PDB file of N, CA and C in Angstrom:
ATOM      1  N   MET A   1      29.892  28.207  51.126  1.00  0.00           N
ATOM      2  CA  MET A   1      29.015  29.171  51.743  1.00  0.00           C
ATOM      3  C   MET A   1      28.226  28.433  52.819  1.00  0.00           C
ATOM      4  N   THR A   2      28.030  29.108  53.936  1.00  0.00           N
ATOM      5  CA  THR A   2      27.309  28.499  55.048  1.00  0.00           C
ATOM      6  C   THR A   2      26.485  29.551  55.781  1.00  0.00           C
ATOM      7  N   LEU A   3      25.477  29.104  56.461  1.00  0.00           N
ATOM      8  CA  LEU A   3      24.700  29.998  57.319  1.00  0.00           C
ATOM      9  C   LEU A   3      25.313  29.938  58.701  1.00  0.00           C
ATOM     10  N   ASP A   4      25.578  31.098  59.278  1.00  0.00           N
ATOM     11  CA  ASP A   4      26.247  31.138  60.570  1.00  0.00           C
ATOM     12  C   ASP A   4      25.951  32.470  61.243  1.00  0.00           C
ATOM     13  N   GLU A   5      26.276  32.573  62.501  1.00  0.00           N
ATOM     14  CA  GLU A   5      26.166  33.834  63.226  1.00  0.00           C
ATOM     15  C   GLU A   5      27.343  34.723  62.851  1.00  0.00           C
ATOM     16  N   SER A   6      27.141  36.028  62.876  1.00  0.00           N
ATOM     17  CA  SER A   6      28.239  36.937  62.555  1.00  0.00           C
ATOM     18  C   SER A   6      29.173  37.076  63.747  1.00  0.00           C
ATOM     19  N   ASN A   7      30.429  37.355  63.433  1.00  0.00           N
ATOM     20  CA  ASN A   7      31.450  37.619  64.439  1.00  0.00           C
ATOM     21  C   ASN A   7      31.931  39.050  64.281  1.00  0.00           C
ATOM     22  N   ALA A   8      32.500  39.602  65.321  1.00  0.00           N
ATOM     23  CA  ALA A   8      32.964  40.994  65.289  1.00  0.00           C
ATOM     24  C   ALA A   8      34.025  41.225  64.222  1.00  0.00           C
ATOM     25  N   ASN A   9      34.805  40.203  63.876  1.00  0.00           N
ATOM     26  CA  ASN A   9      35.887  40.349  62.899  1.00  0.00           C
ATOM     27  C   ASN A   9      35.442  40.155  61.455  1.00  0.00           C
ATOM     28  N   ASP A  10      34.217  39.709  61.229  1.00  0.00           N
ATOM     29  CA  ASP A  10      33.747  39.438  59.871  1.00  0.00           C
ATOM     30  C   ASP A  10      33.748  40.695  59.013  1.00  0.00           C
ATOM     31  N   LYS A  11      34.036  40.502  57.726  1.00  0.00           N
ATOM     32  CA  LYS A  11      33.905  41.572  56.741  1.00  0.00           C
ATOM     33  C   LYS A  11      32.507  41.465  56.162  1.00  0.00           C
ATOM     34  N   GLN A  12      31.856  42.592  55.929  1.00  0.00           N
ATOM     35  CA  GLN A  12      30.463  42.600  55.494  1.00  0.00           C
ATOM     36  C   GLN A  12      30.318  43.247  54.128  1.00  0.00           C
ATOM     37  N   LEU A  13      29.456  42.651  53.305  1.00  0.00           N
ATOM     38  CA  LEU A  13      29.097  43.192  52.002  1.00  0.00           C
ATOM     39  C   LEU A  13      27.588  43.110  51.886  1.00  0.00           C
ATOM     40  N   GLU A  14      26.961  44.179  51.437  1.00  0.00           N
ATOM     41  CA  GLU A  14      25.518  44.157  51.220  1.00  0.00           C
ATOM     42  C   GLU A  14      25.246  44.468  49.763  1.00  0.00           C
ATOM     43  N   ALA A  15      24.402  43.641  49.133  1.00  0.00           N
ATOM     44  CA  ALA A  15      24.057  43.829  47.730  1.00  0.00           C
ATOM     45  C   ALA A  15      22.599  43.455  47.527  1.00  0.00           C
ATOM     46  N   LYS A  16      21.846  44.367  46.955  1.00  0.00           N
ATOM     47  CA  LYS A  16      20.429  44.145  46.642  1.00  0.00           C
ATOM     48  C   LYS A  16      19.645  43.636  47.850  1.00  0.00           C
ATOM     49  N   GLY A  17      19.933  44.211  49.009  1.00  0.00           N
ATOM     50  CA  GLY A  17      19.189  43.871  50.209  1.00  0.00           C
ATOM     51  C   GLY A  17      19.649  42.620  50.931  1.00  0.00           C
ATOM     52  N   LEU A  18      20.657  41.942  50.415  1.00  0.00           N
ATOM     53  CA  LEU A  18      21.188  40.750  51.071  1.00  0.00           C
ATOM     54  C   LEU A  18      22.530  41.083  51.704  1.00  0.00           C
ATOM     55  N   ARG A  19      22.754  40.580  52.905  1.00  0.00           N
ATOM     56  CA  ARG A  19      24.013  40.825  53.599  1.00  0.00           C
ATOM     57  C   ARG A  19      24.853  39.553  53.569  1.00  0.00           C
ATOM     58  N   PHE A  20      26.098  39.684  53.153  1.00  0.00           N
ATOM     59  CA  PHE A  20      27.042  38.577  53.104  1.00  0.00           C
ATOM     60  C   PHE A  20      28.177  38.881  54.066  1.00  0.00           C
ATOM     61  N   LEU A  21      28.565  37.881  54.843  1.00  0.00           N
ATOM     62  CA  LEU A  21      29.656  38.027  55.798  1.00  0.00           C
ATOM     63  C   LEU A  21      30.777  37.071  55.413  1.00  0.00           C
ATOM     64  N   PHE A  22      31.997  37.557  55.506  1.00  0.00           N
ATOM     65  CA  PHE A  22      33.170  36.759  55.172  1.00  0.00           C
ATOM     66  C   PHE A  22      34.132  36.800  56.345  1.00  0.00           C
ATOM     67  N   ASP A  23      34.704  35.649  56.685  1.00  0.00           N
ATOM     68  CA  ASP A  23      35.701  35.691  57.747  1.00  0.00           C
ATOM     69  C   ASP A  23      36.943  36.401  57.218  1.00  0.00           C
ATOM     70  N   PRO A  24      37.761  36.958  58.093  1.00  0.00           N
ATOM     71  CA  PRO A  24      38.907  37.757  57.652  1.00  0.00           C
ATOM     72  C   PRO A  24      39.868  37.009  56.733  1.00  0.00           C
ATOM     73  N   PHE A  25      40.064  35.700  56.956  1.00  0.00           N
ATOM     74  CA  PHE A  25      40.974  34.944  56.093  1.00  0.00           C
ATOM     75  C   PHE A  25      40.453  34.902  54.664  1.00  0.00           C
ATOM     76  N   VAL A  26      39.192  34.554  54.494  1.00  0.00           N
ATOM     77  CA  VAL A  26      38.610  34.496  53.147  1.00  0.00           C
ATOM     78  C   VAL A  26      38.663  35.872  52.495  1.00  0.00           C
ATOM     79  N   ALA A  27      38.295  36.896  53.234  1.00  0.00           N
ATOM     80  CA  ALA A  27      38.298  38.256  52.686  1.00  0.00           C
ATOM     81  C   ALA A  27      39.690  38.675  52.235  1.00  0.00           C
ATOM     82  N   SER A  28      40.731  38.203  52.905  1.00  0.00           N
ATOM     83  CA  SER A  28      42.100  38.573  52.529  1.00  0.00           C
ATOM     84  C   SER A  28      42.612  37.795  51.325  1.00  0.00           C
ATOM     85  N   GLN A  29      41.965  36.692  50.966  1.00  0.00           N
ATOM     86  CA  GLN A  29      42.441  35.825  49.894  1.00  0.00           C
ATOM     87  C   GLN A  29      41.835  36.124  48.531  1.00  0.00           C
ATOM     88  N   VAL A  30      40.770  36.892  48.475  1.00  0.00           N
ATOM     89  CA  VAL A  30      40.085  37.125  47.200  1.00  0.00           C
ATOM     90  C   VAL A  30      39.897  38.614  46.944  1.00  0.00           C
ATOM     91  N   ASP A  31      39.936  38.973  45.664  1.00  0.00           N
ATOM     92  CA  ASP A  31      39.687  40.353  45.261  1.00  0.00           C
ATOM     93  C   ASP A  31      38.293  40.522  44.673  1.00  0.00           C
ATOM     94  N   GLU A  32      37.727  39.431  44.179  1.00  0.00           N
ATOM     95  CA  GLU A  32      36.461  39.510  43.445  1.00  0.00           C
ATOM     96  C   GLU A  32      35.638  38.258  43.721  1.00  0.00           C
ATOM     97  N   ILE A  33      34.361  38.438  44.003  1.00  0.00           N
ATOM     98  CA  ILE A  33      33.451  37.326  44.240  1.00  0.00           C
ATOM     99  C   ILE A  33      32.176  37.586  43.446  1.00  0.00           C
ATOM    100  N   HIS A  34      31.720  36.570  42.705  1.00  0.00           N
ATOM    101  CA  HIS A  34      30.456  36.659  41.967  1.00  0.00           C
ATOM    102  C   HIS A  34      29.448  35.758  42.675  1.00  0.00           C
ATOM    103  N   ILE A  35      28.334  36.328  43.107  1.00  0.00           N
ATOM    104  CA  ILE A  35      27.272  35.571  43.755  1.00  0.00           C
ATOM    105  C   ILE A  35      26.018  35.754  42.923  1.00  0.00           C
ATOM    106  N   ASP A  36      25.511  34.651  42.392  1.00  0.00           N
ATOM    107  CA  ASP A  36      24.313  34.681  41.557  1.00  0.00           C
ATOM    108  C   ASP A  36      23.220  33.852  42.212  1.00  0.00           C
ATOM    109  N   TYR A  37      21.981  34.276  41.997  1.00  0.00           N
ATOM    110  CA  TYR A  37      20.834  33.525  42.490  1.00  0.00           C
ATOM    111  C   TYR A  37      20.048  33.013  41.298  1.00  0.00           C
ATOM    112  N   ASP A  38      19.779  31.725  41.274  1.00  0.00           N
ATOM    113  CA  ASP A  38      19.019  31.087  40.205  1.00  0.00           C
ATOM    114  C   ASP A  38      17.598  30.853  40.717  1.00  0.00           C
ATOM    115  N   GLU A  39      16.649  31.636  40.213  1.00  0.00           N
ATOM    116  CA  GLU A  39      15.264  31.515  40.679  1.00  0.00           C
ATOM    117  C   GLU A  39      14.659  30.160  40.330  1.00  0.00           C
ATOM    118  N   ALA A  40      14.990  29.620  39.166  1.00  0.00           N
ATOM    119  CA  ALA A  40      14.426  28.337  38.757  1.00  0.00           C
ATOM    120  C   ALA A  40      14.895  27.208  39.674  1.00  0.00           C
ATOM    121  N   GLU A  41      16.161  27.242  40.062  1.00  0.00           N
ATOM    122  CA  GLU A  41      16.720  26.205  40.937  1.00  0.00           C
ATOM    123  C   GLU A  41      16.620  26.573  42.413  1.00  0.00           C
ATOM    124  N   ASP A  42      16.266  27.840  42.705  1.00  0.00           N
ATOM    125  CA  ASP A  42      16.141  28.340  44.073  1.00  0.00           C
ATOM    126  C   ASP A  42      17.424  28.112  44.876  1.00  0.00           C
ATOM    127  N   ASN A  43      18.569  28.541  44.259  1.00  0.00           N
ATOM    128  CA  ASN A  43      19.835  28.409  44.968  1.00  0.00           C
ATOM    129  C   ASN A  43      20.827  29.482  44.536  1.00  0.00           C
ATOM    130  N   PHE A  44      21.890  29.599  45.300  1.00  0.00           N
ATOM    131  CA  PHE A  44      22.960  30.537  45.006  1.00  0.00           C
ATOM    132  C   PHE A  44      24.125  29.789  44.387  1.00  0.00           C
ATOM    133  N   SER A  45      24.864  30.472  43.534  1.00  0.00           N
ATOM    134  CA  SER A  45      26.149  29.958  43.071  1.00  0.00           C
ATOM    135  C   SER A  45      27.195  31.020  43.373  1.00  0.00           C
ATOM    136  N   VAL A  46      28.353  30.564  43.812  1.00  0.00           N
ATOM    137  CA  VAL A  46      29.440  31.461  44.182  1.00  0.00           C
ATOM    138  C   VAL A  46      30.639  31.125  43.313  1.00  0.00           C
ATOM    139  N   ARG A  47      31.197  32.160  42.689  1.00  0.00           N
ATOM    140  CA  ARG A  47      32.370  31.973  41.831  1.00  0.00           C
ATOM    141  C   ARG A  47      33.419  32.985  42.263  1.00  0.00           C
ATOM    142  N   VAL A  48      34.637  32.501  42.457  1.00  0.00           N
ATOM    143  CA  VAL A  48      35.766  33.350  42.838  1.00  0.00           C
ATOM    144  C   VAL A  48      36.806  33.222  41.731  1.00  0.00           C
ATOM    145  N   PRO A  49      36.764  34.136  40.739  1.00  0.00           N
ATOM    146  CA  PRO A  49      37.634  33.988  39.575  1.00  0.00           C
ATOM    147  C   PRO A  49      39.124  34.042  39.888  1.00  0.00           C
ATOM    148  N   ASN A  50      39.540  34.771  40.886  1.00  0.00           N
ATOM    149  CA  ASN A  50      40.962  34.909  41.165  1.00  0.00           C
ATOM    150  C   ASN A  50      41.353  34.296  42.503  1.00  0.00           C
ATOM    151  N   GLY A  51      40.501  33.467  43.061  1.00  0.00           N
ATOM    152  CA  GLY A  51      40.771  32.883  44.367  1.00  0.00           C
ATOM    153  C   GLY A  51      41.541  31.583  44.265  1.00  0.00           C
ATOM    154  N   PRO A  52      41.844  31.000  45.415  1.00  0.00           N
ATOM    155  CA  PRO A  52      42.545  29.715  45.435  1.00  0.00           C
ATOM    156  C   PRO A  52      41.747  28.662  44.683  1.00  0.00           C
ATOM    157  N   GLN A  53      42.431  27.825  43.947  1.00  0.00           N
ATOM    158  CA  GLN A  53      41.777  26.781  43.164  1.00  0.00           C
ATOM    159  C   GLN A  53      41.775  25.476  43.941  1.00  0.00           C
ATOM    160  N   SER A  54      40.735  24.685  43.749  1.00  0.00           N
ATOM    161  CA  SER A  54      40.605  23.397  44.419  1.00  0.00           C
ATOM    162  C   SER A  54      40.464  22.312  43.373  1.00  0.00           C
ATOM    163  N   SER A  55      40.947  21.127  43.674  1.00  0.00           N
ATOM    164  CA  SER A  55      40.804  20.009  42.747  1.00  0.00           C
ATOM    165  C   SER A  55      39.602  19.154  43.090  1.00  0.00           C
ATOM    166  N   CYS A  56      38.784  19.570  44.044  1.00  0.00           N
ATOM    167  CA  CYS A  56      37.608  18.802  44.461  1.00  0.00           C
ATOM    168  C   CYS A  56      36.528  18.858  43.412  1.00  0.00           C
TER     169      CYS A  56
END
């Protein structure tokens, strides 16, 4: 996840007042995305249960 300017081709999702933008490639690769905010840690976590897996 990164902060960036939006592009005309981006796919947009809005949830609970927050807007998320995905480039077309990412949007075409996943069916489901879980985005959680941890107030104690003051950060987001992103989980893609059915997306491409990484060994990193």
